């Protein structure tokens, strides 16, 4: 539509991964160097993490192009698999034939034989797993066992894990410590700097046929501000800004057009900042700040310590300190510190959550394996206070203390802005502020999955599946469901909003991860944080 107006031969800001538009910033080149170095080492695992849209897939494609010709590569894009499914997918990628319904041992043997044969031929084998933050702990452990096959000098299978920052949290789990020790190179890909945003935009414009600058300096600054340096968001914002420029027949693109684009793409009200405040307003603001400072100092002199209001043992809730030197700990704080020290292992937290379901850990099995043996499923998610209380299930939470050391607890119950947190054998009520300050963002819960659930739901699904999706989303939003017989735009927007709210890819397709998240709200089995859901 606007290509001829701006002198472009192509759409420069499509979010499709077109190799012609490849832009490697200094950070992308550094990430590529780390991965290449890691593959040249003797270890089994290489790790690349970064926020959504930072260009991890771009780096992995570059790496694939640089691998030597004697390399067999397996690429797994959807890692939401069981151990058996993952090994079967790996066999498919490497063209290893196997019989119908093979056992885990059979697939392992086939892969081992293939890796040994490849080594004898002088060939390397590399497995690349994208979106690796969705891997289950037991699947990662199975991969580690597979990389045990080695010679005196190298591993016969090398694995590249690519994922969002949650992958780093996953690899800190106690049962994955052996795998974490085998990572020979790791790199966290950061967003583009303001200078790199300008170079990125100009590079894509030049590839599309325009060599003159199209976005002015303030527009580039606005792009960095609203995108945070994320290439995918930059593309979306630039696309909308070009549409605005075309509609107004205006060149160059200025910051107002980018503001408008951000309002559409990000759903935020972008307002121009007025720096010319009236003198009276400035004076009033200054007086308010001074008054606030004096009040704050006076309040601060009355009470310097609020820890006991943030975390108080159940048995000691009646204790309240009237006055004490800040350096001394009251009994509640001492109990809290002791409970934290006793909760460095995640095993006690898992035992607690299994106990809430009336289940027990099995010797020799992981917590999730124990749960599966007893008819339950594990679910891990990244989120915050709202994510946790909205699902309303007891959860194992990953926490950090004031020295940034990990400890683990089980959220048992909730009353308003307080959570009942079990640390080893000690239960404590903690305030929302305390929890938010110590919560790492990762939590796991148990639930009873339905015996049958619909497959992937999208535009081509049958009316019954589409109606189920409409009913489920309406139930979650506490609204009246519509009668639908097709996947219309309203349902698509509802689903994408739900996916965004839960950290899922907003692709308007209810795949396995989305279906699990939806079914969690439908489940009526098991304990809850609040038995009768109240206001969130």
Protein backbone atom coordinates (compact mmCIF):
# COMPACT_ATOMS: atom_id res chain seq x y z
CA UNK A 1 0.00 0.00 0.00
CA UNK A 2 2.67 2.50 1.02
CA UNK A 3 5.72 1.02 -0.75
CA UNK A 4 5.59 3.27 -3.81
CA UNK A 5 4.99 6.39 -1.68
CA UNK A 6 8.16 5.80 0.37
CA UNK A 7 10.23 4.44 -2.53
CA UNK A 8 10.34 0.88 -1.19
CA UNK A 9 10.48 -2.31 -3.23
CA UNK A 10 9.39 -4.55 -0.35
CA UNK A 11 7.81 -4.46 3.09
CA UNK A 12 10.85 -3.76 5.31
CA UNK A 13 9.19 -4.42 8.67
CA UNK A 14 7.49 -7.75 8.25
CA UNK A 15 7.88 -9.93 11.35
CA UNK A 16 8.49 -13.00 9.14
CA UNK A 17 12.11 -14.24 9.55
CA UNK A 18 13.37 -13.17 6.12
CA UNK A 19 17.15 -13.89 5.89
CA UNK A 20 17.60 -10.96 3.46
CA UNK A 21 16.87 -8.57 6.35
CA UNK A 22 19.32 -10.19 8.75
CA UNK A 23 20.80 -7.57 11.09
CA UNK A 24 23.47 -8.68 13.52
CA UNK A 25 24.14 -6.14 16.25
CA UNK A 26 27.30 -6.37 18.34
CA UNK A 27 25.30 -8.34 20.91
CA UNK A 28 24.02 -10.80 18.31
CA UNK A 29 27.56 -11.34 17.05
CA UNK A 30 28.77 -11.88 20.60
CA UNK A 31 26.00 -14.41 21.21
CA UNK A 32 26.93 -16.22 18.01
CA UNK A 33 30.57 -16.32 19.08
CA UNK A 34 29.61 -17.84 22.46
CA UNK A 35 27.51 -20.56 20.82
CA UNK A 36 30.23 -21.38 18.30
CA UNK A 37 32.78 -21.58 21.11
CA UNK A 38 30.50 -23.82 23.16
CA UNK A 39 30.07 -26.28 20.29
CA UNK A 40 33.83 -26.41 19.89
CA UNK A 41 34.23 -27.50 23.50
CA UNK A 42 33.83 -31.02 24.89
CA UNK A 43 30.68 -30.36 26.93
CA UNK A 44 27.16 -31.41 26.04
CA UNK A 45 25.05 -28.26 26.48
CA UNK A 46 25.11 -24.65 25.21
CA UNK A 47 22.58 -22.09 26.47
CA UNK A 48 21.13 -18.99 24.78
CA UNK A 49 18.45 -16.96 26.57
CA UNK A 50 16.73 -13.65 25.93
CA UNK A 51 13.39 -11.90 26.15
CA UNK A 52 10.68 -12.55 23.58
CA UNK A 53 11.56 -11.00 20.22
CA UNK A 54 15.23 -10.18 20.94
CA UNK A 55 16.48 -12.27 18.00
CA UNK A 56 17.37 -15.64 19.51
CA UNK A 57 15.97 -17.46 16.47
CA UNK A 58 18.00 -15.16 14.21
CA UNK A 59 21.19 -16.16 16.04
CA UNK A 60 20.30 -19.87 15.84
CA UNK A 61 19.74 -19.62 12.07
CA UNK A 62 23.13 -17.95 11.66
CA UNK A 63 24.70 -20.70 13.71
CA UNK A 64 23.09 -23.37 11.52
CA UNK A 65 24.58 -21.73 8.44
CA UNK A 66 28.04 -21.78 10.03
CA UNK A 67 28.04 -25.42 11.11
CA UNK A 68 30.53 -27.59 9.19
CA UNK A 69 29.21 -29.88 6.47
CA UNK A 70 29.94 -33.00 8.53
CA UNK A 71 27.23 -32.04 11.04
CA UNK A 72 23.82 -33.70 11.36
CA UNK A 73 21.34 -31.30 12.91
CA UNK A 74 18.02 -31.89 14.66
CA UNK A 75 15.83 -28.83 15.28
CA UNK A 76 12.90 -29.06 17.73
CA UNK A 77 10.56 -26.05 17.70
CA UNK A 78 7.85 -27.36 20.05
CA UNK A 79 9.44 -28.85 23.17
CA UNK A 80 6.18 -29.39 25.11
CA UNK A 81 6.78 -33.12 24.94
CA UNK A 82 7.16 -36.11 27.21
CA UNK A 83 10.44 -38.01 27.41
CA UNK A 84 9.15 -40.59 24.92
CA UNK A 85 7.81 -37.95 22.52
CA UNK A 86 11.05 -35.98 22.62
CA UNK A 87 13.19 -39.01 21.78
CA UNK A 88 10.77 -39.99 19.01
CA UNK A 89 10.96 -36.45 17.58
CA UNK A 90 14.75 -36.56 17.75
CA UNK A 91 14.71 -39.86 15.86
CA UNK A 92 12.41 -38.32 13.24
CA UNK A 93 14.72 -35.33 12.81
CA UNK A 94 17.74 -37.62 12.35
CA UNK A 95 15.84 -39.99 10.03
CA UNK A 96 16.17 -42.91 12.45
CA UNK A 97 13.48 -45.51 11.79
CA UNK A 98 11.63 -47.17 14.66
CA UNK A 99 8.63 -49.43 15.09
CA UNK A 100 5.16 -48.34 16.09
CA UNK A 101 4.76 -47.53 19.83
CA UNK A 102 8.43 -47.99 20.81
CA UNK A 103 9.56 -48.04 24.42
CA UNK A 104 11.79 -45.39 25.97
CA UNK A 105 14.62 -47.90 26.11
CA UNK A 106 14.21 -48.82 22.45
CA UNK A 107 14.44 -45.19 21.32
CA UNK A 108 17.44 -44.59 23.58
CA UNK A 109 19.23 -47.61 22.12
CA UNK A 110 18.52 -46.50 18.56
CA UNK A 111 19.83 -43.00 19.24
CA UNK A 112 22.94 -44.36 20.97
CA UNK A 113 23.70 -46.63 17.99
CA UNK A 114 23.22 -43.70 15.59
CA UNK A 115 25.54 -41.43 17.58
CA UNK A 116 28.26 -44.09 17.75
CA UNK A 117 27.97 -44.76 14.02
CA UNK A 118 28.09 -41.04 13.26
CA UNK A 119 31.24 -40.66 15.35
CA UNK A 120 32.93 -43.51 13.48
CA UNK A 121 32.11 -41.73 10.20
CA UNK A 122 33.68 -38.51 11.50
CA UNK A 123 30.33 -36.72 11.73
CA UNK A 124 29.00 -34.50 14.53
CA UNK A 125 25.42 -34.48 15.86
CA UNK A 126 23.81 -31.31 17.19
CA UNK A 127 20.34 -30.93 18.70
CA UNK A 128 18.84 -27.42 18.82
CA UNK A 129 15.75 -26.90 21.00
CA UNK A 130 13.88 -23.60 20.64
CA UNK A 131 11.44 -22.34 23.33
CA UNK A 132 13.31 -24.60 25.75
CA UNK A 133 11.72 -22.91 28.77
CA UNK A 134 8.73 -25.21 28.13
CA UNK A 135 10.80 -28.37 28.65
CA UNK A 136 9.81 -30.45 31.63
CA UNK A 137 12.47 -31.22 34.21
CA UNK A 138 12.22 -34.96 33.56
CA UNK A 139 12.69 -34.37 29.82
CA UNK A 140 15.83 -32.31 30.46
CA UNK A 141 17.12 -35.07 32.68
CA UNK A 142 16.50 -37.60 29.88
CA UNK A 143 18.53 -35.39 27.53
CA UNK A 144 21.36 -35.26 30.05
CA UNK A 145 21.40 -39.05 30.23
CA UNK A 146 21.53 -39.19 26.44
CA UNK A 147 24.60 -36.93 26.39
CA UNK A 148 26.39 -39.36 28.71
CA UNK A 149 27.50 -41.16 25.56
CA UNK A 150 31.02 -39.85 24.97
CA UNK A 151 34.58 -40.62 23.93
CA UNK A 152 37.71 -39.64 25.82
CA UNK A 153 37.65 -36.21 24.20
CA UNK A 154 34.08 -35.19 23.34
CA UNK A 155 30.36 -35.75 23.76
CA UNK A 156 28.69 -37.57 20.87
CA UNK A 157 25.57 -35.39 21.13
CA UNK A 158 25.71 -31.65 21.69
CA UNK A 159 22.56 -29.78 22.70
CA UNK A 160 21.78 -26.09 22.21
CA UNK A 161 18.98 -24.83 24.46
CA UNK A 162 17.33 -21.58 23.32
CA UNK A 163 14.66 -19.98 25.46
CA UNK A 164 13.28 -17.09 27.44
CA UNK A 165 14.78 -16.00 30.80
CA UNK A 166 12.55 -18.51 32.60
CA UNK A 167 14.88 -21.21 31.24
CA UNK A 168 17.60 -19.95 33.59
CA UNK A 169 15.24 -20.36 36.53
CA UNK A 170 14.36 -23.87 35.37
CA UNK A 171 18.01 -24.90 35.25
CA UNK A 172 18.53 -23.73 38.84
CA UNK A 173 16.28 -26.50 40.12
CA UNK A 174 17.96 -28.93 42.46
CA UNK A 175 17.28 -32.03 40.36
CA UNK A 176 18.87 -30.38 37.30
CA UNK A 177 22.15 -29.39 38.94
CA UNK A 178 24.06 -32.09 37.03
CA UNK A 179 22.81 -30.72 33.73
CA UNK A 180 23.62 -27.13 34.73
CA UNK A 181 27.22 -28.17 35.41
CA UNK A 182 27.54 -29.43 31.82
CA UNK A 183 26.73 -26.10 30.18
CA UNK A 184 30.00 -25.06 28.52
CA UNK A 185 28.79 -21.71 27.17
CA UNK A 186 25.86 -19.49 28.00
CA UNK A 187 24.77 -16.09 26.75
CA UNK A 188 21.82 -13.83 27.62
CA UNK A 189 20.78 -11.73 24.62
CA UNK A 190 19.86 -8.18 25.61
CA UNK A 191 17.65 -5.80 23.59
CA UNK A 192 19.09 -3.25 21.15
CA UNK A 193 20.53 0.03 22.43
CA UNK A 194 19.09 3.36 21.15
CA UNK A 195 21.97 3.64 18.67
CA UNK A 196 21.42 0.08 17.44
CA UNK A 197 17.69 0.77 16.96
CA UNK A 198 18.58 3.52 14.47
CA UNK A 199 21.02 1.24 12.65
CA UNK A 200 18.49 -1.59 12.63
CA UNK A 201 15.73 0.57 11.11
CA UNK A 202 18.03 2.06 8.48
CA UNK A 203 19.41 -1.38 7.57
CA UNK A 204 15.94 -2.77 6.87
CA UNK A 205 14.97 0.29 4.85
CA UNK A 206 18.11 -0.03 2.72
CA UNK A 207 17.45 -3.70 2.01
CA UNK A 208 13.93 -2.69 0.89
CA UNK A 209 15.37 -0.13 -1.53
CA UNK A 210 15.35 3.19 0.35
CA UNK A 211 18.76 4.65 1.20
CA UNK A 212 17.62 8.02 2.56
CA UNK A 213 16.65 8.23 6.26
CA UNK A 214 12.90 7.92 6.78
CA UNK A 215 12.57 8.15 10.58
CA UNK A 216 13.88 11.32 12.23
CA UNK A 217 15.94 11.36 15.43
CA UNK A 218 13.00 11.86 17.80
CA UNK A 219 11.12 9.05 16.06
CA UNK A 220 14.06 6.67 16.65
CA UNK A 221 14.14 7.67 20.33
CA UNK A 222 10.41 7.02 20.60
CA UNK A 223 10.85 3.63 18.91
CA UNK A 224 13.43 2.63 21.50
CA UNK A 225 11.28 3.94 24.34
CA UNK A 226 8.18 1.98 23.42
CA UNK A 227 9.84 -1.17 22.06
CA UNK A 228 12.48 -1.44 24.77
CA UNK A 229 14.90 -2.38 21.97
CA UNK A 230 13.00 -5.57 21.07
CA UNK A 231 13.35 -6.08 17.28
CA UNK A 232 9.93 -7.68 16.86
CA UNK A 233 8.20 -4.75 18.55
CA UNK A 234 10.29 -2.30 16.52
CA UNK A 235 8.96 -3.95 13.35
CA UNK A 236 5.37 -3.69 14.51
CA UNK A 237 5.73 -0.04 15.53
CA UNK A 238 7.51 0.91 12.30
CA UNK A 239 4.85 -0.81 10.21
CA UNK A 240 2.06 1.17 11.90
CA UNK A 241 4.06 4.41 11.75
CA UNK A 242 4.58 3.98 8.00
CA UNK A 243 0.84 3.48 7.60
CA UNK A 244 0.26 6.73 9.50
CA UNK A 245 2.81 8.59 7.39
CA UNK A 246 1.21 7.30 4.19
CA UNK A 247 -2.27 8.29 5.37
CA UNK A 248 -1.02 11.82 6.11
CA UNK A 249 1.23 11.96 3.00
CA UNK A 250 4.03 13.01 5.33
CA UNK A 251 7.79 12.43 5.26
CA UNK A 252 9.82 11.92 7.43
CA UNK A 253 8.18 9.78 10.10
CA UNK A 254 8.19 11.74 13.37
CA UNK A 255 7.75 10.86 17.01
CA UNK A 256 4.02 11.69 16.97
CA UNK A 257 3.41 8.98 14.40
CA UNK A 258 5.41 6.53 16.53
CA UNK A 259 3.37 7.59 19.59
CA UNK A 260 0.19 6.84 17.66
CA UNK A 261 1.60 3.51 16.51
CA UNK A 262 2.51 2.59 20.10
CA UNK A 263 -1.03 3.41 21.22
CA UNK A 264 -2.42 0.98 18.63
CA UNK A 265 0.16 -1.80 18.97
CA UNK A 266 0.65 -1.73 22.74
CA UNK A 267 -2.86 -0.68 23.69
CA UNK A 268 -1.60 2.24 25.80
CA UNK A 269 -2.70 5.86 25.91
CA UNK A 270 0.38 7.82 24.86
CA UNK A 271 0.31 11.41 26.02
CA UNK A 272 2.65 14.25 25.15
CA UNK A 273 4.54 15.47 28.21
CA UNK A 274 4.06 19.16 29.00
CA UNK A 275 7.27 20.47 30.54
CA UNK A 276 6.05 24.09 30.89
CA UNK A 277 4.27 23.89 34.21
CA UNK A 278 2.89 27.15 35.55
CA UNK A 279 5.07 28.82 38.19
CA UNK A 280 2.37 28.44 40.81
CA UNK A 281 2.19 24.72 40.10
CA UNK A 282 5.95 24.33 40.48
CA UNK A 283 5.87 26.21 43.78
CA UNK A 284 3.03 24.06 45.09
CA UNK A 285 4.85 20.92 43.99
CA UNK A 286 8.01 22.03 45.81
CA UNK A 287 6.09 22.77 49.01
CA UNK A 288 4.37 19.39 48.79
CA UNK A 289 7.72 17.59 48.42
CA UNK A 290 9.21 19.45 51.42
CA UNK A 291 6.15 18.70 53.55
CA UNK A 292 6.21 15.06 52.49
CA UNK A 293 9.89 14.80 53.34
CA UNK A 294 9.32 16.21 56.85
CA UNK A 295 6.37 13.88 57.48
CA UNK A 296 8.34 10.90 56.21
CA UNK A 297 11.27 11.69 58.51
CA UNK A 298 8.97 12.03 61.50
CA UNK A 299 7.24 8.73 60.73
CA UNK A 300 10.56 7.05 60.13
CA UNK A 301 11.80 8.14 63.54
CA UNK A 302 8.79 6.48 65.17
CA UNK A 303 9.25 3.06 63.54
CA UNK A 304 12.29 1.77 61.66
CA UNK A 305 11.30 -1.86 61.35
CA UNK A 306 8.28 -3.50 59.74
CA UNK A 307 9.51 -7.02 59.20
CA UNK A 308 7.22 -8.56 61.76
CA UNK A 309 4.22 -7.20 59.90
CA UNK A 310 5.47 -8.82 56.72
CA UNK A 311 6.20 -12.34 57.94
CA UNK A 312 4.93 -13.63 61.29
CA UNK A 313 4.78 -17.28 62.39
CA UNK A 314 1.25 -18.61 62.95
CA UNK A 315 2.10 -19.48 66.54
CA UNK A 316 3.55 -16.04 67.19
CA UNK A 317 1.08 -13.72 65.49
CA UNK A 318 0.14 -12.17 68.83
CA UNK A 319 3.70 -10.97 69.42
CA UNK A 320 4.28 -7.30 68.59
CA UNK A 321 7.36 -5.31 69.45
CA UNK A 322 6.75 -1.87 70.90
CA UNK A 323 10.34 -0.58 70.54
CA UNK A 324 13.74 -2.17 70.04
CA UNK A 325 17.08 -1.28 68.47
CA UNK A 326 17.06 -1.94 64.69
CA UNK A 327 20.05 -4.26 64.95
CA UNK A 328 18.17 -6.79 67.13
CA UNK A 329 15.83 -9.41 65.72
CA UNK A 330 12.53 -10.17 67.40
CA UNK A 331 11.32 -13.72 67.88
CA UNK A 332 9.23 -13.64 64.68
CA UNK A 333 12.21 -12.58 62.59
CA UNK A 334 14.42 -15.25 64.13
CA UNK A 335 11.85 -17.93 63.35
CA UNK A 336 11.51 -16.62 59.80
CA UNK A 337 15.28 -16.65 59.22
CA UNK A 338 15.57 -20.16 60.62
CA UNK A 339 12.69 -21.33 58.39
CA UNK A 340 14.39 -19.84 55.32
CA UNK A 341 17.66 -21.58 56.14
CA UNK A 342 15.85 -24.91 56.46
CA UNK A 343 14.17 -24.45 53.04
CA UNK A 344 17.18 -24.46 50.72
CA UNK A 345 16.10 -27.79 49.21
CA UNK A 346 13.04 -27.92 46.97
CA UNK A 347 12.25 -31.47 48.11
CA UNK A 348 10.50 -30.35 51.30
CA UNK A 349 8.30 -27.95 49.31
CA UNK A 350 7.33 -30.73 46.92
CA UNK A 351 6.52 -33.03 49.85
CA UNK A 352 4.28 -30.30 51.30
CA UNK A 353 2.26 -29.77 48.11
CA UNK A 354 1.85 -33.51 47.59
CA UNK A 355 0.59 -33.70 51.17
CA UNK A 356 -2.05 -31.03 50.46
CA UNK A 357 -3.41 -33.33 47.74
CA UNK A 358 -3.30 -36.32 50.07
CA UNK A 359 -0.38 -37.83 48.15
CA UNK A 360 3.16 -38.81 49.12
CA UNK A 361 6.56 -38.65 47.37
CA UNK A 362 7.87 -41.96 46.05
CA UNK A 363 11.45 -42.97 46.77
CA UNK A 364 13.56 -42.90 43.61
CA UNK A 365 11.14 -40.72 41.63
CA UNK A 366 11.01 -36.97 41.09
CA UNK A 367 8.10 -35.03 42.54
CA UNK A 368 6.34 -34.83 39.17
CA UNK A 369 6.86 -38.53 38.55
CA UNK A 370 5.42 -39.25 41.99
CA UNK A 371 2.42 -37.04 41.18
CA UNK A 372 1.87 -38.75 37.82
CA UNK A 373 1.93 -42.16 39.45
CA UNK A 374 -0.92 -40.92 41.66
CA UNK A 375 -3.08 -39.41 38.91
CA UNK A 376 -1.91 -35.78 39.02
CA UNK A 377 -0.07 -33.52 36.57
CA UNK A 378 2.59 -30.88 37.16
CA UNK A 379 2.34 -27.38 35.77
CA UNK A 380 5.09 -24.74 35.90
CA UNK A 381 4.55 -21.07 35.12
CA UNK A 382 6.29 -17.72 35.24
CA UNK A 383 4.23 -14.96 36.78
CA UNK A 384 3.63 -12.70 39.74
CA UNK A 385 1.28 -12.36 42.71
CA UNK A 386 -1.73 -11.90 40.42
CA UNK A 387 -0.91 -14.98 38.35
CA UNK A 388 -0.66 -17.09 41.48
CA UNK A 389 -3.82 -15.97 43.23
CA UNK A 390 -5.88 -15.99 40.05
CA UNK A 391 -5.19 -19.69 39.44
CA UNK A 392 -6.06 -20.23 43.13
CA UNK A 393 -4.08 -23.49 43.51
CA UNK A 394 -1.50 -24.24 46.22
CA UNK A 395 1.92 -23.88 44.63
CA UNK A 396 5.62 -24.52 45.13
CA UNK A 397 7.26 -21.09 44.82
CA UNK A 398 10.87 -20.27 43.99
CA UNK A 399 12.13 -17.54 46.33
CA UNK A 400 15.34 -15.60 46.96
CA UNK A 401 16.55 -14.12 50.25
CA UNK A 402 18.18 -10.72 50.79
CA UNK A 403 21.55 -12.18 49.69
CA UNK A 404 19.93 -13.48 46.46
CA UNK A 405 20.26 -17.10 47.60
CA UNK A 406 17.48 -19.47 46.56
CA UNK A 407 14.99 -21.06 48.93
CA UNK A 408 11.65 -22.77 48.32
CA UNK A 409 8.24 -22.69 49.93
CA UNK A 410 4.68 -23.89 49.45
CA UNK A 411 1.82 -21.40 49.28
CA UNK A 412 -0.93 -23.10 51.24
CA UNK A 413 -3.72 -20.55 51.63
CA UNK A 414 -4.62 -16.90 51.10
CA UNK A 415 -6.51 -14.28 53.08
CA UNK A 416 -6.74 -10.96 51.27
CA UNK A 417 -3.21 -9.66 50.79
CA UNK A 418 -1.64 -12.35 52.97
CA UNK A 419 -0.39 -15.80 51.99
CA UNK A 420 0.12 -18.76 54.29
CA UNK A 421 3.61 -19.91 53.31
CA UNK A 422 5.08 -23.21 54.43
CA UNK A 423 8.88 -23.23 54.71
CA UNK A 424 9.97 -26.79 55.49
CA UNK A 425 7.91 -27.60 58.62
CA UNK A 426 7.17 -23.98 59.59
CA UNK A 427 4.03 -22.12 58.43
CA UNK A 428 4.03 -18.31 58.32
CA UNK A 429 1.63 -15.64 57.18
CA UNK A 430 3.43 -13.26 54.82
CA UNK A 431 2.29 -9.92 53.43
CA UNK A 432 1.98 -9.30 49.70
CA UNK A 433 4.90 -6.83 49.71
CA UNK A 434 7.20 -9.33 51.41
CA UNK A 435 6.22 -12.09 49.00
CA UNK A 436 6.67 -9.89 45.91
CA UNK A 437 10.11 -8.80 47.11
CA UNK A 438 11.33 -12.39 47.53
CA UNK A 439 9.42 -14.16 44.71
CA UNK A 440 11.63 -15.10 41.72
CA UNK A 441 8.66 -15.40 39.36
CA UNK A 442 8.60 -19.19 39.02
CA UNK A 443 5.97 -21.42 40.59
CA UNK A 444 4.73 -24.97 40.13
CA UNK A 445 1.40 -26.50 41.00
CA UNK A 446 -0.33 -29.87 40.84
CA UNK A 447 -3.70 -30.43 39.20
CA UNK A 448 -5.91 -33.22 37.93
CA UNK A 449 -6.03 -32.98 34.15
CA UNK A 450 -9.31 -33.92 32.44
CA UNK A 451 -9.55 -37.44 31.00
CA UNK A 452 -10.44 -35.96 27.62
CA UNK A 453 -9.81 -32.51 26.26
CA UNK A 454 -10.12 -31.06 22.75
CA UNK A 455 -7.12 -30.98 20.46
CA UNK A 456 -5.67 -27.77 19.08
CA UNK A 457 -8.39 -25.18 18.47
CA UNK A 458 -8.05 -22.60 15.73
CA UNK A 459 -9.89 -21.16 12.75
CA UNK A 460 -10.25 -24.56 11.09
CA UNK A 461 -11.70 -26.34 14.13
CA UNK A 462 -15.20 -27.78 14.23
CA UNK A 463 -18.10 -25.78 15.75
CA UNK A 464 -18.21 -27.89 18.93
CA UNK A 465 -14.56 -27.11 19.75
CA UNK A 466 -15.04 -23.43 18.97
CA UNK A 467 -18.11 -23.26 21.23
CA UNK A 468 -16.14 -24.99 24.01
CA UNK A 469 -13.46 -22.32 23.70
CA UNK A 470 -16.06 -19.53 23.81
CA UNK A 471 -17.73 -21.07 26.89
CA UNK A 472 -14.40 -21.52 28.68
CA UNK A 473 -13.17 -17.97 28.08
CA UNK A 474 -16.54 -16.58 29.16
CA UNK A 475 -16.38 -18.69 32.34
CA UNK A 476 -12.92 -17.32 33.16
CA UNK A 477 -14.02 -13.72 32.48
CA UNK A 478 -17.28 -14.28 34.40
CA UNK A 479 -19.38 -13.24 31.38
CA UNK A 480 -22.26 -14.82 29.46
CA UNK A 481 -20.99 -16.97 26.57
CA UNK A 482 -22.19 -16.26 23.04
CA UNK A 483 -23.60 -18.85 20.68
CA UNK A 484 -20.95 -19.20 17.98
CA UNK A 485 -20.40 -21.55 15.06
CA UNK A 486 -17.17 -20.08 13.69
CA UNK A 487 -13.90 -18.68 14.97
CA UNK A 488 -14.76 -14.99 14.60
CA UNK A 489 -12.62 -11.92 15.30
CA UNK A 490 -14.14 -11.36 18.76
CA UNK A 491 -13.22 -14.86 19.89
CA UNK A 492 -9.77 -14.44 18.39
CA UNK A 493 -9.18 -11.23 20.38
CA UNK A 494 -10.47 -12.88 23.58
CA UNK A 495 -8.07 -15.78 23.12
CA UNK A 496 -5.09 -13.55 22.32
CA UNK A 497 -5.79 -11.40 25.38
CA UNK A 498 -5.92 -14.53 27.55
CA UNK A 499 -2.63 -15.73 26.06
CA UNK A 500 -0.92 -12.40 26.66
CA UNK A 501 -2.14 -12.27 30.25
CA UNK A 502 -0.62 -15.69 30.91
CA UNK A 503 2.71 -15.21 29.17
CA UNK A 504 1.76 -17.42 26.22
CA UNK A 505 2.41 -16.74 22.57
CA UNK A 506 -0.57 -14.66 21.41
CA UNK A 507 -1.11 -16.54 18.14
CA UNK A 508 -4.90 -17.04 18.50
CA UNK A 509 -4.39 -20.82 18.44
CA UNK A 510 -5.35 -22.82 21.52
CA UNK A 511 -2.43 -25.26 21.48
CA UNK A 512 -1.28 -27.59 24.25
CA UNK A 513 0.05 -24.89 26.62
CA UNK A 514 -3.03 -22.69 26.19
CA UNK A 515 -5.38 -25.65 26.68
CA UNK A 516 -3.65 -26.62 29.92
CA UNK A 517 -3.97 -23.04 31.16
CA UNK A 518 -7.67 -22.94 30.22
CA UNK A 519 -8.40 -26.28 31.87
CA UNK A 520 -6.75 -25.16 35.09
CA UNK A 521 -9.61 -22.68 35.52
CA UNK A 522 -12.21 -25.37 34.79
CA UNK A 523 -10.79 -27.93 37.19
CA UNK A 524 -12.90 -28.51 40.29
CA UNK A 525 -10.58 -31.08 41.87
CA UNK A 526 -8.14 -30.62 44.71
CA UNK A 527 -7.31 -27.95 47.32
CA UNK A 528 -7.53 -24.20 46.68
CA UNK A 529 -5.88 -21.14 48.19
CA UNK A 530 -9.32 -19.63 48.75
CA UNK A 531 -12.16 -22.14 48.76
CA UNK A 532 -14.70 -19.54 47.69
CA UNK A 533 -13.06 -17.23 45.16
CA UNK A 534 -13.18 -13.63 46.16
CA UNK A 535 -11.90 -10.45 44.62
CA UNK A 536 -8.42 -10.54 43.14
